[in-house]
Amino acid sequence: MMLGWIVGSPLNRLAVFVLVVGLLSIGAIQYIRWDERDKVNQQRLEDQVETRKRVDDAVRNSPDAVGDALDFLLDRQSRD
């Protein structure tokens, strides 16, 4: 009974069609926005992991003693 009223007149059919298309469009736009936001967050996390690996490697490979640090700095300065 209700379906016959909604689909009954051409104006109602047009209104329902516009409503459905509008809702589908909003849903598609939201999905695309969420997907892009997820991609950006994923890339940011990957960059943070890579940066953390480089920091850990730098700390691990840094000189432990003062003399070693001075030698490292002098060697680096002579290369530049």
PDB file of N, CA and C in Angstrom:
ATOM      1  N   MET A   1       0.815  -1.180   0.000  1.00  0.00           N
ATOM      2  CA  MET A   1       0.000   0.000   0.000  1.00  0.00           C
ATOM      3  C   MET A   1       0.866   1.254   0.000  1.00  0.00           C
ATOM      4  N   MET A   2       1.841   1.302   0.899  1.00  0.00           N
ATOM      5  CA  MET A   2       2.744   2.454   0.982  1.00  0.00           C
ATOM      6  C   MET A   2       3.617   2.534  -0.270  1.00  0.00           C
ATOM      7  N   LEU A   3       4.068   1.378  -0.758  1.00  0.00           N
ATOM      8  CA  LEU A   3       4.912   1.350  -1.950  1.00  0.00           C
ATOM      9  C   LEU A   3       4.149   1.865  -3.164  1.00  0.00           C
ATOM     10  N   GLY A   4       2.881   1.542  -3.265  1.00  0.00           N
ATOM     11  CA  GLY A   4       2.067   2.039  -4.366  1.00  0.00           C
ATOM     12  C   GLY A   4       1.941   3.550  -4.331  1.00  0.00           C
ATOM     13  N   TRP A   5       1.876   4.126  -3.159  1.00  0.00           N
ATOM     14  CA  TRP A   5       1.777   5.585  -3.041  1.00  0.00           C
ATOM     15  C   TRP A   5       3.092   6.253  -3.422  1.00  0.00           C
ATOM     16  N   ILE A   6       4.217   5.661  -2.972  1.00  0.00           N
ATOM     17  CA  ILE A   6       5.530   6.255  -3.256  1.00  0.00           C
ATOM     18  C   ILE A   6       5.826   6.182  -4.748  1.00  0.00           C
ATOM     19  N   VAL A   7       5.581   5.052  -5.346  1.00  0.00           N
ATOM     20  CA  VAL A   7       5.934   4.848  -6.740  1.00  0.00           C
ATOM     21  C   VAL A   7       4.784   5.267  -7.663  1.00  0.00           C
ATOM     22  N   GLY A   8       3.669   5.639  -7.111  1.00  0.00           N
ATOM     23  CA  GLY A   8       2.476   5.923  -7.894  1.00  0.00           C
ATOM     24  C   GLY A   8       2.623   7.046  -8.900  1.00  0.00           C
ATOM     25  N   SER A   9       2.977   8.234  -8.485  1.00  0.00           N
ATOM     26  CA  SER A   9       2.995   9.355  -9.422  1.00  0.00           C
ATOM     27  C   SER A   9       4.405   9.592  -9.961  1.00  0.00           C
ATOM     28  N   PRO A  10       4.501  10.171 -11.145  1.00  0.00           N
ATOM     29  CA  PRO A  10       5.823  10.451 -11.726  1.00  0.00           C
ATOM     30  C   PRO A  10       6.643  11.413 -10.864  1.00  0.00           C
ATOM     31  N   LEU A  11       5.991  12.355 -10.224  1.00  0.00           N
ATOM     32  CA  LEU A  11       6.710  13.297  -9.367  1.00  0.00           C
ATOM     33  C   LEU A  11       7.304  12.580  -8.158  1.00  0.00           C
ATOM     34  N   ASN A  12       6.546  11.668  -7.570  1.00  0.00           N
ATOM     35  CA  ASN A  12       7.065  10.897  -6.439  1.00  0.00           C
ATOM     36  C   ASN A  12       8.218   9.993  -6.870  1.00  0.00           C
ATOM     37  N   ARG A  13       8.096   9.381  -8.049  1.00  0.00           N
ATOM     38  CA  ARG A  13       9.183   8.540  -8.560  1.00  0.00           C
ATOM     39  C   ARG A  13      10.458   9.359  -8.755  1.00  0.00           C
ATOM     40  N   LEU A  14      10.293  10.568  -9.294  1.00  0.00           N
ATOM     41  CA  LEU A  14      11.451  11.444  -9.494  1.00  0.00           C
ATOM     42  C   LEU A  14      12.068  11.841  -8.156  1.00  0.00           C
ATOM     43  N   ALA A  15      11.237  12.150  -7.186  1.00  0.00           N
ATOM     44  CA  ALA A  15      11.733  12.539  -5.874  1.00  0.00           C
ATOM     45  C   ALA A  15      12.496  11.380  -5.215  1.00  0.00           C
ATOM     46  N   VAL A  16      11.944  10.177  -5.299  1.00  0.00           N
ATOM     47  CA  VAL A  16      12.614   9.003  -4.730  1.00  0.00           C
ATOM     48  C   VAL A  16      13.926   8.741  -5.460  1.00  0.00           C
ATOM     49  N   PHE A  17      13.912   8.862  -6.772  1.00  0.00           N
ATOM     50  CA  PHE A  17      15.131   8.652  -7.556  1.00  0.00           C
ATOM     51  C   PHE A  17      16.215   9.658  -7.161  1.00  0.00           C
ATOM     52  N   VAL A  18      15.856  10.932  -7.045  1.00  0.00           N
ATOM     53  CA  VAL A  18      16.823  11.965  -6.657  1.00  0.00           C
ATOM     54  C   VAL A  18      17.346  11.698  -5.252  1.00  0.00           C
ATOM     55  N   LEU A  19      16.472  11.297  -4.350  1.00  0.00           N
ATOM     56  CA  LEU A  19      16.890  10.984  -2.985  1.00  0.00           C
ATOM     57  C   LEU A  19      17.876   9.823  -2.953  1.00  0.00           C
ATOM     58  N   VAL A  20      17.575   8.764  -3.678  1.00  0.00           N
ATOM     59  CA  VAL A  20      18.451   7.592  -3.704  1.00  0.00           C
ATOM     60  C   VAL A  20      19.796   7.938  -4.329  1.00  0.00           C
ATOM     61  N   VAL A  21      19.788   8.666  -5.443  1.00  0.00           N
ATOM     62  CA  VAL A  21      21.040   9.056  -6.091  1.00  0.00           C
ATOM     63  C   VAL A  21      21.854   9.959  -5.160  1.00  0.00           C
ATOM     64  N   GLY A  22      21.190  10.865  -4.477  1.00  0.00           N
ATOM     65  CA  GLY A  22      21.890  11.741  -3.537  1.00  0.00           C
ATOM     66  C   GLY A  22      22.529  10.969  -2.403  1.00  0.00           C
ATOM     67  N   LEU A  23      21.797  10.034  -1.829  1.00  0.00           N
ATOM     68  CA  LEU A  23      22.348   9.223  -0.738  1.00  0.00           C
ATOM     69  C   LEU A  23      23.511   8.360  -1.217  1.00  0.00           C
ATOM     70  N   LEU A  24      23.379   7.773  -2.403  1.00  0.00           N
ATOM     71  CA  LEU A  24      24.483   6.978  -2.949  1.00  0.00           C
ATOM     72  C   LEU A  24      25.714   7.840  -3.213  1.00  0.00           C
ATOM     73  N   SER A  25      25.501   9.056  -3.688  1.00  0.00           N
ATOM     74  CA  SER A  25      26.621   9.961  -3.950  1.00  0.00           C
ATOM     75  C   SER A  25      27.327  10.338  -2.654  1.00  0.00           C
ATOM     76  N   ILE A  26      26.549  10.658  -1.636  1.00  0.00           N
ATOM     77  CA  ILE A  26      27.140  11.011  -0.341  1.00  0.00           C
ATOM     78  C   ILE A  26      27.919   9.825   0.218  1.00  0.00           C
ATOM     79  N   GLY A  27      27.349   8.633   0.098  1.00  0.00           N
ATOM     80  CA  GLY A  27      28.041   7.436   0.572  1.00  0.00           C
ATOM     81  C   GLY A  27      29.345   7.195  -0.173  1.00  0.00           C
ATOM     82  N   ALA A  28      29.329   7.376  -1.481  1.00  0.00           N
ATOM     83  CA  ALA A  28      30.551   7.172  -2.276  1.00  0.00           C
ATOM     84  C   ALA A  28      31.614   8.204  -1.918  1.00  0.00           C
ATOM     85  N   ILE A  29      31.206   9.445  -1.734  1.00  0.00           N
ATOM     86  CA  ILE A  29      32.163  10.499  -1.369  1.00  0.00           C
ATOM     87  C   ILE A  29      32.777  10.208  -0.008  1.00  0.00           C
ATOM     88  N   GLN A  30      31.955   9.799   0.954  1.00  0.00           N
ATOM     89  CA  GLN A  30      32.476   9.479   2.286  1.00  0.00           C
ATOM     90  C   GLN A  30      33.444   8.302   2.223  1.00  0.00           C
ATOM     91  N   TYR A  31      33.096   7.286   1.445  1.00  0.00           N
ATOM     92  CA  TYR A  31      33.986   6.125   1.314  1.00  0.00           C
ATOM     93  C   TYR A  31      35.335   6.549   0.736  1.00  0.00           C
ATOM     94  N   ILE A  32      35.327   7.381  -0.289  1.00  0.00           N
ATOM     95  CA  ILE A  32      36.569   7.836  -0.911  1.00  0.00           C
ATOM     96  C   ILE A  32      37.393   8.655   0.092  1.00  0.00           C
ATOM     97  N   ARG A  33      36.730   9.523   0.841  1.00  0.00           N
ATOM     98  CA  ARG A  33      37.446  10.335   1.834  1.00  0.00           C
ATOM     99  C   ARG A  33      38.083   9.462   2.906  1.00  0.00           C
ATOM    100  N   TRP A  34      37.330   8.469   3.411  1.00  0.00           N
ATOM    101  CA  TRP A  34      37.864   7.576   4.434  1.00  0.00           C
ATOM    102  C   TRP A  34      39.018   6.749   3.889  1.00  0.00           C
ATOM    103  N   ASP A  35      38.903   6.304   2.651  1.00  0.00           N
ATOM    104  CA  ASP A  35      39.967   5.515   2.038  1.00  0.00           C
ATOM    105  C   ASP A  35      41.239   6.349   1.894  1.00  0.00           C
ATOM    106  N   GLU A  36      41.099   7.595   1.442  1.00  0.00           N
ATOM    107  CA  GLU A  36      42.269   8.471   1.313  1.00  0.00           C
ATOM    108  C   GLU A  36      42.887   8.762   2.674  1.00  0.00           C
ATOM    109  N   ARG A  37      42.044   8.996   3.678  1.00  0.00           N
ATOM    110  CA  ARG A  37      42.558   9.258   5.020  1.00  0.00           C
ATOM    111  C   ARG A  37      43.326   8.042   5.544  1.00  0.00           C
ATOM    112  N   ASP A  38      42.820   6.839   5.273  1.00  0.00           N
ATOM    113  CA  ASP A  38      43.510   5.620   5.686  1.00  0.00           C
ATOM    114  C   ASP A  38      44.850   5.484   4.976  1.00  0.00           C
ATOM    115  N   LYS A  39      44.883   5.828   3.685  1.00  0.00           N
ATOM    116  CA  LYS A  39      46.150   5.749   2.939  1.00  0.00           C
ATOM    117  C   LYS A  39      47.171   6.726   3.499  1.00  0.00           C
ATOM    118  N   VAL A  40      46.731   7.945   3.830  1.00  0.00           N
ATOM    119  CA  VAL A  40      47.639   8.945   4.396  1.00  0.00           C
ATOM    120  C   VAL A  40      48.154   8.475   5.753  1.00  0.00           C
ATOM    121  N   ASN A  41      47.276   7.951   6.589  1.00  0.00           N
ATOM    122  CA  ASN A  41      47.698   7.451   7.901  1.00  0.00           C
ATOM    123  C   ASN A  41      48.664   6.286   7.763  1.00  0.00           C
ATOM    124  N   GLN A  42      48.407   5.398   6.822  1.00  0.00           N
ATOM    125  CA  GLN A  42      49.298   4.262   6.599  1.00  0.00           C
ATOM    126  C   GLN A  42      50.681   4.734   6.157  1.00  0.00           C
ATOM    127  N   GLN A  43      50.730   5.707   5.241  1.00  0.00           N
ATOM    128  CA  GLN A  43      52.005   6.233   4.776  1.00  0.00           C
ATOM    129  C   GLN A  43      52.755   6.926   5.910  1.00  0.00           C
ATOM    130  N   ARG A  44      52.017   7.666   6.735  1.00  0.00           N
ATOM    131  CA  ARG A  44      52.643   8.345   7.865  1.00  0.00           C
ATOM    132  C   ARG A  44      53.248   7.342   8.841  1.00  0.00           C
ATOM    133  N   LEU A  45      52.526   6.254   9.106  1.00  0.00           N
ATOM    134  CA  LEU A  45      53.051   5.222   9.991  1.00  0.00           C
ATOM    135  C   LEU A  45      54.285   4.553   9.394  1.00  0.00           C
ATOM    136  N   GLU A  46      54.258   4.275   8.099  1.00  0.00           N
ATOM    137  CA  GLU A  46      55.426   3.676   7.454  1.00  0.00           C
ATOM    138  C   GLU A  46      56.628   4.614   7.519  1.00  0.00           C
ATOM    139  N   ASP A  47      56.399   5.915   7.331  1.00  0.00           N
ATOM    140  CA  ASP A  47      57.485   6.887   7.433  1.00  0.00           C
ATOM    141  C   ASP A  47      58.045   6.936   8.853  1.00  0.00           C
ATOM    142  N   GLN A  48      57.165   6.850   9.852  1.00  0.00           N
ATOM    143  CA  GLN A  48      57.624   6.868  11.238  1.00  0.00           C
ATOM    144  C   GLN A  48      58.449   5.631  11.554  1.00  0.00           C
ATOM    145  N   VAL A  49      58.028   4.490  11.035  1.00  0.00           N
ATOM    146  CA  VAL A  49      58.788   3.258  11.260  1.00  0.00           C
ATOM    147  C   VAL A  49      60.167   3.375  10.612  1.00  0.00           C
ATOM    148  N   GLU A  50      60.213   3.886   9.388  1.00  0.00           N
ATOM    149  CA  GLU A  50      61.497   4.042   8.693  1.00  0.00           C
ATOM    150  C   GLU A  50      62.402   5.022   9.429  1.00  0.00           C
ATOM    151  N   THR A  51      61.841   6.125   9.886  1.00  0.00           N
ATOM    152  CA  THR A  51      62.629   7.102  10.645  1.00  0.00           C
ATOM    153  C   THR A  51      63.151   6.482  11.926  1.00  0.00           C
ATOM    154  N   ARG A  52      62.303   5.729  12.600  1.00  0.00           N
ATOM    155  CA  ARG A  52      62.726   5.087  13.850  1.00  0.00           C
ATOM    156  C   ARG A  52      63.850   4.088  13.595  1.00  0.00           C
ATOM    157  N   LYS A  53      63.773   3.350  12.479  1.00  0.00           N
ATOM    158  CA  LYS A  53      64.852   2.415  12.140  1.00  0.00           C
ATOM    159  C   LYS A  53      66.160   3.154  11.911  1.00  0.00           C
ATOM    160  N   ARG A  54      66.097   4.290  11.195  1.00  0.00           N
ATOM    161  CA  ARG A  54      67.319   5.063  10.945  1.00  0.00           C
ATOM    162  C   ARG A  54      67.898   5.611  12.243  1.00  0.00           C
ATOM    163  N   VAL A  55      67.047   6.088  13.147  1.00  0.00           N
ATOM    164  CA  VAL A  55      67.518   6.605  14.433  1.00  0.00           C
ATOM    165  C   VAL A  55      68.159   5.484  15.241  1.00  0.00           C
ATOM    166  N   ASP A  56      67.507   4.332  15.273  1.00  0.00           N
ATOM    167  CA  ASP A  56      68.070   3.196  16.015  1.00  0.00           C
ATOM    168  C   ASP A  56      69.417   2.775  15.439  1.00  0.00           C
ATOM    169  N   ASP A  57      69.532   2.749  14.108  1.00  0.00           N
ATOM    170  CA  ASP A  57      70.816   2.399  13.482  1.00  0.00           C
ATOM    171  C   ASP A  57      71.888   3.432  13.815  1.00  0.00           C
ATOM    172  N   ALA A  58      71.513   4.699  13.811  1.00  0.00           N
ATOM    173  CA  ALA A  58      72.484   5.751  14.117  1.00  0.00           C
ATOM    174  C   ALA A  58      72.958   5.637  15.558  1.00  0.00           C
ATOM    175  N   VAL A  59      72.046   5.357  16.465  1.00  0.00           N
ATOM    176  CA  VAL A  59      72.425   5.204  17.872  1.00  0.00           C
ATOM    177  C   VAL A  59      73.285   3.962  18.048  1.00  0.00           C
ATOM    178  N   ARG A  60      72.899   2.885  17.389  1.00  0.00           N
ATOM    179  CA  ARG A  60      73.645   1.632  17.511  1.00  0.00           C
ATOM    180  C   ARG A  60      75.064   1.773  16.947  1.00  0.00           C
ATOM    181  N   ASN A  61      75.216   2.544  15.874  1.00  0.00           N
ATOM    182  CA  ASN A  61      76.520   2.676  15.218  1.00  0.00           C
ATOM    183  C   ASN A  61      77.317   3.880  15.698  1.00  0.00           C
ATOM    184  N   SER A  62      76.791   4.601  16.673  1.00  0.00           N
ATOM    185  CA  SER A  62      77.518   5.779  17.155  1.00  0.00           C
ATOM    186  C   SER A  62      78.677   5.345  18.059  1.00  0.00           C
ATOM    187  N   PRO A  63      79.719   6.165  18.114  1.00  0.00           N
ATOM    188  CA  PRO A  63      80.872   5.831  18.955  1.00  0.00           C
ATOM    189  C   PRO A  63      80.494   5.833  20.436  1.00  0.00           C
ATOM    190  N   ASP A  64      81.136   4.919  21.196  1.00  0.00           N
ATOM    191  CA  ASP A  64      80.825   4.806  22.620  1.00  0.00           C
ATOM    192  C   ASP A  64      81.752   5.662  23.483  1.00  0.00           C
ATOM    193  N   ALA A  65      82.993   5.774  23.103  1.00  0.00           N
ATOM    194  CA  ALA A  65      83.974   6.489  23.924  1.00  0.00           C
ATOM    195  C   ALA A  65      84.225   7.877  23.331  1.00  0.00           C
ATOM    196  N   VAL A  66      84.745   8.767  24.165  1.00  0.00           N
ATOM    197  CA  VAL A  66      85.010  10.136  23.742  1.00  0.00           C
ATOM    198  C   VAL A  66      86.053  10.155  22.622  1.00  0.00           C
ATOM    199  N   GLY A  67      87.108   9.370  22.758  1.00  0.00           N
ATOM    200  CA  GLY A  67      88.139   9.319  21.729  1.00  0.00           C
ATOM    201  C   GLY A  67      87.589   8.839  20.403  1.00  0.00           C
ATOM    202  N   ASP A  68      86.725   7.832  20.467  1.00  0.00           N
ATOM    203  CA  ASP A  68      86.101   7.331  19.241  1.00  0.00           C
ATOM    204  C   ASP A  68      85.216   8.395  18.604  1.00  0.00           C
ATOM    205  N   ALA A  69      84.518   9.156  19.438  1.00  0.00           N
ATOM    206  CA  ALA A  69      83.661  10.217  18.922  1.00  0.00           C
ATOM    207  C   ALA A  69      84.493  11.296  18.248  1.00  0.00           C
ATOM    208  N   LEU A  70      85.602  11.661  18.860  1.00  0.00           N
ATOM    209  CA  LEU A  70      86.479  12.674  18.245  1.00  0.00           C
ATOM    210  C   LEU A  70      87.036  12.179  16.924  1.00  0.00           C
ATOM    211  N   ASP A  71      87.450  10.931  16.884  1.00  0.00           N
ATOM    212  CA  ASP A  71      87.956  10.356  15.632  1.00  0.00           C
ATOM    213  C   ASP A  71      86.863  10.352  14.559  1.00  0.00           C
ATOM    214  N   PHE A  72      85.649  10.009  14.952  1.00  0.00           N
ATOM    215  CA  PHE A  72      84.531   9.995  14.023  1.00  0.00           C
ATOM    216  C   PHE A  72      84.290  11.389  13.463  1.00  0.00           C
ATOM    217  N   LEU A  73      84.284  12.403  14.340  1.00  0.00           N
ATOM    218  CA  LEU A  73      84.039  13.774  13.888  1.00  0.00           C
ATOM    219  C   LEU A  73      85.165  14.289  12.992  1.00  0.00           C
ATOM    220  N   LEU A  74      86.401  13.974  13.366  1.00  0.00           N
ATOM    221  CA  LEU A  74      87.539  14.414  12.534  1.00  0.00           C
ATOM    222  C   LEU A  74      87.507  13.736  11.168  1.00  0.00           C
ATOM    223  N   ASP A  75      87.167  12.464  11.170  1.00  0.00           N
ATOM    224  CA  ASP A  75      87.084  11.731   9.904  1.00  0.00           C
ATOM    225  C   ASP A  75      85.958  12.310   9.034  1.00  0.00           C
ATOM    226  N   ARG A  76      84.817  12.602   9.636  1.00  0.00           N
ATOM    227  CA  ARG A  76      83.699  13.168   8.894  1.00  0.00           C
ATOM    228  C   ARG A  76      84.033  14.557   8.355  1.00  0.00           C
ATOM    229  N   GLN A  77      84.773  15.333   9.149  1.00  0.00           N
ATOM    230  CA  GLN A  77      85.146  16.673   8.739  1.00  0.00           C
ATOM    231  C   GLN A  77      86.140  16.633   7.566  1.00  0.00           C
ATOM    232  N   SER A  78      87.043  15.680   7.584  1.00  0.00           N
ATOM    233  CA  SER A  78      88.020  15.590   6.511  1.00  0.00           C
ATOM    234  C   SER A  78      87.373  15.115   5.199  1.00  0.00           C
ATOM    235  N   ARG A  79      86.261  14.377   5.267  1.00  0.00           N
ATOM    236  CA  ARG A  79      85.565  13.913   4.068  1.00  0.00           C
ATOM    237  C   ARG A  79      84.819  15.054   3.389  1.00  0.00           C
ATOM    238  N   ASP A  80      84.388  16.044   4.147  1.00  0.00           N
ATOM    239  CA  ASP A  80      83.618  17.154   3.578  1.00  0.00           C
ATOM    240  C   ASP A  80      84.508  18.115   2.920  1.00  0.00           C
TER     241      ASP A  80
END
